[in-house]
Amino acid sequence: MEDAEVIQGYTTFVSPFEAGYQLKALITLRAFMGMLKPFLEKVKTYDEVVNCYRITGNENIVMEVVLKNQKHLEVFIDQLISYGETKTQIVLSHVIKYSEVKPVK
């Protein structure tokens, strides 16, 4: 299955809490005119971002981020606002975590 690229890799999951992060958040970004491409390059440099998706709809980007505390969140958002408007949701808990992908029938 590895040769057929069904299995794309193996990952070790590190607990963000045990690594010193107290907050997990989802942040959406609606990029300003002309700022999407620069953001797509910049986002790759942020250690806080654990997942980033380019999406359809009113926003262009949704990111899953881990942060040390509220102050860290404030500083991180301050970096983002030069690229566009943000909306932030703090994650309270996981409802489904790492659900298996089942083959299409």
N, C-alpha and C. Protein backbone atom coordinates (compact mmCIF):
# COMPACT_ATOMS: atom_id res chain seq x y z
N MET A 1 0.82 -1.20 0.00
CA MET A 1 0.00 0.00 0.00
C MET A 1 0.86 1.26 0.00
N GLU A 2 2.09 1.15 0.50
CA GLU A 2 2.98 2.31 0.44
C GLU A 2 3.35 2.62 -1.00
N ASP A 3 3.65 1.59 -1.80
CA ASP A 3 4.01 1.80 -3.20
C ASP A 3 2.86 2.41 -4.00
N ALA A 4 1.62 2.05 -3.64
CA ALA A 4 0.44 2.60 -4.31
C ALA A 4 0.04 3.96 -3.74
N GLU A 5 0.80 4.45 -2.76
CA GLU A 5 0.58 5.74 -2.09
C GLU A 5 -0.75 5.82 -1.35
N VAL A 6 -1.30 4.65 -0.99
CA VAL A 6 -2.46 4.64 -0.10
C VAL A 6 -2.00 5.03 1.30
N ILE A 7 -0.90 4.45 1.74
CA ILE A 7 -0.25 4.88 2.99
C ILE A 7 0.76 5.94 2.59
N GLN A 8 0.59 7.15 3.12
CA GLN A 8 1.43 8.27 2.71
C GLN A 8 2.52 8.61 3.72
N GLY A 9 2.57 7.90 4.82
CA GLY A 9 3.62 8.16 5.78
C GLY A 9 3.21 7.72 7.18
N TYR A 10 4.12 7.87 8.10
CA TYR A 10 3.91 7.51 9.49
C TYR A 10 4.24 8.73 10.34
N THR A 11 3.45 8.95 11.38
CA THR A 11 3.61 10.17 12.16
C THR A 11 3.59 9.84 13.65
N THR A 12 4.38 10.57 14.40
CA THR A 12 4.33 10.54 15.85
C THR A 12 3.59 11.79 16.30
N PHE A 13 2.58 11.62 17.13
CA PHE A 13 1.80 12.75 17.62
C PHE A 13 2.31 13.14 19.01
N VAL A 14 2.73 14.40 19.14
CA VAL A 14 3.22 14.93 20.40
C VAL A 14 2.10 15.75 21.03
N SER A 15 1.87 15.55 22.30
CA SER A 15 0.84 16.30 23.02
C SER A 15 1.25 17.77 23.10
N PRO A 16 0.46 18.68 22.51
CA PRO A 16 0.80 20.11 22.62
C PRO A 16 0.87 20.56 24.07
N PHE A 17 -0.01 20.05 24.91
CA PHE A 17 -0.02 20.44 26.32
C PHE A 17 1.28 20.04 27.00
N GLU A 18 1.73 18.82 26.75
CA GLU A 18 2.98 18.35 27.36
C GLU A 18 4.19 19.08 26.79
N ALA A 19 4.06 19.64 25.59
CA ALA A 19 5.15 20.39 24.97
C ALA A 19 5.14 21.86 25.39
N GLY A 20 4.19 22.24 26.26
CA GLY A 20 4.18 23.61 26.80
C GLY A 20 3.12 24.53 26.24
N TYR A 21 2.25 24.03 25.38
CA TYR A 21 1.18 24.85 24.81
C TYR A 21 -0.10 24.67 25.61
N GLN A 22 -0.72 25.77 25.98
CA GLN A 22 -1.93 25.74 26.79
C GLN A 22 -3.20 25.95 25.97
N LEU A 23 -3.07 26.51 24.77
CA LEU A 23 -4.23 26.82 23.94
C LEU A 23 -4.10 26.18 22.57
N LYS A 24 -5.24 25.72 22.05
CA LYS A 24 -5.34 25.32 20.65
C LYS A 24 -6.48 26.16 20.09
N ALA A 25 -6.29 26.68 18.88
CA ALA A 25 -7.31 27.53 18.28
C ALA A 25 -7.42 27.25 16.78
N LEU A 26 -8.58 27.60 16.25
CA LEU A 26 -8.79 27.62 14.81
C LEU A 26 -8.89 29.08 14.42
N ILE A 27 -8.08 29.49 13.47
CA ILE A 27 -8.08 30.88 13.03
C ILE A 27 -8.36 30.89 11.53
N THR A 28 -9.37 31.66 11.14
CA THR A 28 -9.63 31.86 9.71
C THR A 28 -9.09 33.22 9.31
N LEU A 29 -8.66 33.30 8.07
CA LEU A 29 -8.11 34.54 7.53
C LEU A 29 -8.81 34.84 6.22
N ARG A 30 -9.29 36.06 6.09
CA ARG A 30 -9.81 36.58 4.82
C ARG A 30 -8.77 37.56 4.32
N ALA A 31 -8.01 37.14 3.33
CA ALA A 31 -6.85 37.92 2.88
C ALA A 31 -7.27 39.22 2.21
N PHE A 32 -6.48 40.26 2.47
CA PHE A 32 -6.65 41.53 1.76
C PHE A 32 -6.24 41.32 0.30
N MET A 33 -6.74 42.17 -0.57
CA MET A 33 -6.42 42.12 -1.99
C MET A 33 -4.90 42.09 -2.17
N GLY A 34 -4.41 41.11 -2.89
CA GLY A 34 -2.98 41.00 -3.18
C GLY A 34 -2.15 40.39 -2.07
N MET A 35 -2.77 39.98 -0.95
CA MET A 35 -1.99 39.48 0.18
C MET A 35 -2.07 37.96 0.37
N LEU A 36 -2.88 37.28 -0.45
CA LEU A 36 -3.00 35.83 -0.28
C LEU A 36 -1.70 35.11 -0.61
N LYS A 37 -1.10 35.40 -1.74
CA LYS A 37 0.14 34.71 -2.12
C LYS A 37 1.27 34.98 -1.13
N PRO A 38 1.48 36.24 -0.70
CA PRO A 38 2.51 36.45 0.33
C PRO A 38 2.22 35.69 1.63
N PHE A 39 0.93 35.61 1.99
CA PHE A 39 0.58 34.87 3.21
C PHE A 39 0.87 33.38 3.05
N LEU A 40 0.57 32.82 1.88
CA LEU A 40 0.79 31.40 1.66
C LEU A 40 2.27 31.03 1.82
N GLU A 41 3.17 31.95 1.53
CA GLU A 41 4.59 31.71 1.78
C GLU A 41 4.94 31.92 3.26
N LYS A 42 4.39 32.98 3.86
CA LYS A 42 4.72 33.31 5.25
C LYS A 42 4.22 32.27 6.23
N VAL A 43 3.03 31.71 5.99
CA VAL A 43 2.44 30.78 6.94
C VAL A 43 3.33 29.56 7.17
N LYS A 44 4.14 29.21 6.19
CA LYS A 44 5.04 28.06 6.32
C LYS A 44 6.13 28.29 7.36
N THR A 45 6.34 29.54 7.76
CA THR A 45 7.40 29.87 8.73
C THR A 45 6.89 29.93 10.17
N TYR A 46 5.58 29.87 10.38
CA TYR A 46 5.02 29.99 11.73
C TYR A 46 5.06 28.65 12.45
N ASP A 47 5.80 28.57 13.54
CA ASP A 47 5.87 27.34 14.34
C ASP A 47 4.52 27.01 14.99
N GLU A 48 3.70 28.01 15.21
CA GLU A 48 2.42 27.81 15.89
C GLU A 48 1.41 27.03 15.04
N VAL A 49 1.57 27.07 13.73
CA VAL A 49 0.58 26.47 12.82
C VAL A 49 0.86 24.99 12.66
N VAL A 50 -0.10 24.15 13.08
CA VAL A 50 0.06 22.70 12.93
C VAL A 50 -0.69 22.18 11.71
N ASN A 51 -1.71 22.89 11.25
CA ASN A 51 -2.42 22.57 10.01
C ASN A 51 -2.90 23.87 9.39
N CYS A 52 -2.85 23.93 8.08
CA CYS A 52 -3.33 25.10 7.37
C CYS A 52 -3.99 24.65 6.08
N TYR A 53 -5.19 25.15 5.84
CA TYR A 53 -5.95 24.78 4.66
C TYR A 53 -6.37 26.03 3.90
N ARG A 54 -6.29 25.98 2.58
CA ARG A 54 -6.87 27.01 1.74
C ARG A 54 -8.29 26.53 1.45
N ILE A 55 -9.28 27.38 1.69
CA ILE A 55 -10.67 26.96 1.67
C ILE A 55 -11.52 27.84 0.75
N THR A 56 -12.73 27.38 0.48
CA THR A 56 -13.70 28.16 -0.26
C THR A 56 -14.58 28.91 0.74
N GLY A 57 -15.33 29.87 0.25
CA GLY A 57 -16.23 30.63 1.11
C GLY A 57 -15.72 32.04 1.32
N ASN A 58 -16.21 32.68 2.38
CA ASN A 58 -15.85 34.07 2.66
C ASN A 58 -14.40 34.22 3.09
N GLU A 59 -13.85 33.22 3.75
CA GLU A 59 -12.46 33.26 4.16
C GLU A 59 -11.61 32.47 3.17
N ASN A 60 -10.31 32.72 3.15
CA ASN A 60 -9.39 32.03 2.25
C ASN A 60 -8.64 30.90 2.94
N ILE A 61 -8.42 31.06 4.24
CA ILE A 61 -7.51 30.18 4.98
C ILE A 61 -8.15 29.79 6.32
N VAL A 62 -7.95 28.54 6.72
CA VAL A 62 -8.24 28.14 8.10
C VAL A 62 -6.98 27.43 8.62
N MET A 63 -6.58 27.83 9.82
CA MET A 63 -5.38 27.28 10.45
C MET A 63 -5.72 26.68 11.80
N GLU A 64 -5.08 25.59 12.11
CA GLU A 64 -5.11 25.04 13.47
C GLU A 64 -3.78 25.43 14.09
N VAL A 65 -3.84 26.11 15.23
CA VAL A 65 -2.62 26.62 15.85
C VAL A 65 -2.55 26.19 17.31
N VAL A 66 -1.34 26.08 17.82
CA VAL A 66 -1.11 25.82 19.24
C VAL A 66 -0.33 27.01 19.80
N LEU A 67 -0.72 27.42 21.01
CA LEU A 67 -0.17 28.64 21.59
C LEU A 67 0.11 28.43 23.07
N LYS A 68 1.09 29.17 23.58
CA LYS A 68 1.47 29.04 24.99
C LYS A 68 0.40 29.57 25.93
N ASN A 69 -0.20 30.70 25.56
CA ASN A 69 -1.17 31.36 26.45
C ASN A 69 -1.89 32.45 25.66
N GLN A 70 -2.73 33.21 26.35
CA GLN A 70 -3.50 34.26 25.68
C GLN A 70 -2.60 35.35 25.09
N LYS A 71 -1.54 35.70 25.78
CA LYS A 71 -0.62 36.72 25.27
C LYS A 71 0.02 36.24 23.96
N HIS A 72 0.40 34.98 23.90
CA HIS A 72 0.96 34.41 22.69
C HIS A 72 -0.07 34.49 21.56
N LEU A 73 -1.33 34.21 21.85
CA LEU A 73 -2.40 34.33 20.86
C LEU A 73 -2.49 35.77 20.35
N GLU A 74 -2.44 36.73 21.25
CA GLU A 74 -2.52 38.14 20.85
C GLU A 74 -1.38 38.52 19.92
N VAL A 75 -0.17 38.11 20.27
CA VAL A 75 1.01 38.42 19.45
C VAL A 75 0.90 37.75 18.08
N PHE A 76 0.42 36.51 18.08
CA PHE A 76 0.28 35.78 16.81
C PHE A 76 -0.75 36.45 15.91
N ILE A 77 -1.90 36.83 16.47
CA ILE A 77 -2.93 37.51 15.67
C ILE A 77 -2.39 38.83 15.14
N ASP A 78 -1.62 39.54 15.95
CA ASP A 78 -1.03 40.80 15.49
C ASP A 78 -0.15 40.60 14.25
N GLN A 79 0.49 39.44 14.13
CA GLN A 79 1.30 39.14 12.94
C GLN A 79 0.42 38.88 11.72
N LEU A 80 -0.75 38.30 11.97
CA LEU A 80 -1.64 37.92 10.87
C LEU A 80 -2.40 39.10 10.27
N ILE A 81 -2.70 40.11 11.08
CA ILE A 81 -3.62 41.16 10.63
C ILE A 81 -3.06 42.03 9.50
N SER A 82 -1.77 41.94 9.25
CA SER A 82 -1.25 42.67 8.09
C SER A 82 -1.60 41.96 6.78
N TYR A 83 -2.02 40.69 6.87
CA TYR A 83 -2.39 39.92 5.68
C TYR A 83 -3.89 39.90 5.42
N GLY A 84 -4.70 40.15 6.47
CA GLY A 84 -6.14 40.11 6.26
C GLY A 84 -6.91 40.14 7.58
N GLU A 85 -8.22 39.95 7.47
CA GLU A 85 -9.09 39.92 8.63
C GLU A 85 -9.11 38.50 9.21
N THR A 86 -9.06 38.41 10.53
CA THR A 86 -9.03 37.10 11.17
C THR A 86 -10.26 36.89 12.04
N LYS A 87 -10.58 35.63 12.25
CA LYS A 87 -11.58 35.20 13.23
C LYS A 87 -10.95 34.05 13.98
N THR A 88 -11.11 34.05 15.29
CA THR A 88 -10.46 33.04 16.12
C THR A 88 -11.48 32.30 16.96
N GLN A 89 -11.36 30.98 16.99
CA GLN A 89 -12.15 30.14 17.88
C GLN A 89 -11.18 29.30 18.71
N ILE A 90 -11.36 29.34 20.03
CA ILE A 90 -10.54 28.53 20.93
C ILE A 90 -11.12 27.11 20.97
N VAL A 91 -10.28 26.11 20.82
CA VAL A 91 -10.73 24.71 20.89
C VAL A 91 -10.86 24.34 22.36
N LEU A 92 -12.04 23.83 22.73
CA LEU A 92 -12.28 23.37 24.11
C LEU A 92 -11.91 21.90 24.28
N SER A 93 -12.27 21.07 23.30
CA SER A 93 -11.95 19.64 23.37
C SER A 93 -12.13 19.01 22.01
N HIS A 94 -11.59 17.81 21.87
CA HIS A 94 -11.77 17.03 20.64
C HIS A 94 -13.04 16.21 20.77
N VAL A 95 -13.85 16.18 19.73
CA VAL A 95 -15.00 15.30 19.68
C VAL A 95 -14.63 14.04 18.90
N ILE A 96 -13.94 14.21 17.78
CA ILE A 96 -13.38 13.11 16.99
C ILE A 96 -11.92 13.45 16.77
N LYS A 97 -11.05 12.49 17.03
CA LYS A 97 -9.63 12.73 16.89
C LYS A 97 -9.00 11.62 16.07
N TYR A 98 -8.38 11.97 14.96
CA TYR A 98 -7.67 11.04 14.09
C TYR A 98 -8.57 9.88 13.65
N SER A 99 -9.74 10.20 13.17
CA SER A 99 -10.65 9.18 12.68
C SER A 99 -10.04 8.47 11.47
N GLU A 100 -10.32 7.19 11.34
CA GLU A 100 -9.77 6.42 10.23
C GLU A 100 -10.42 6.84 8.91
N VAL A 101 -9.66 6.73 7.85
CA VAL A 101 -10.18 6.99 6.51
C VAL A 101 -10.57 5.65 5.92
N LYS A 102 -11.83 5.53 5.55
CA LYS A 102 -12.32 4.26 4.99
C LYS A 102 -12.33 4.35 3.47
N PRO A 103 -12.03 3.24 2.80
CA PRO A 103 -12.04 3.23 1.33
C PRO A 103 -13.42 3.60 0.78
N VAL A 104 -13.44 4.28 -0.36
CA VAL A 104 -14.68 4.60 -1.05
C VAL A 104 -15.24 3.32 -1.65
N LYS A 105 -16.53 3.14 -1.50
CA LYS A 105 -17.17 1.93 -2.05
C LYS A 105 -17.81 2.21 -3.36
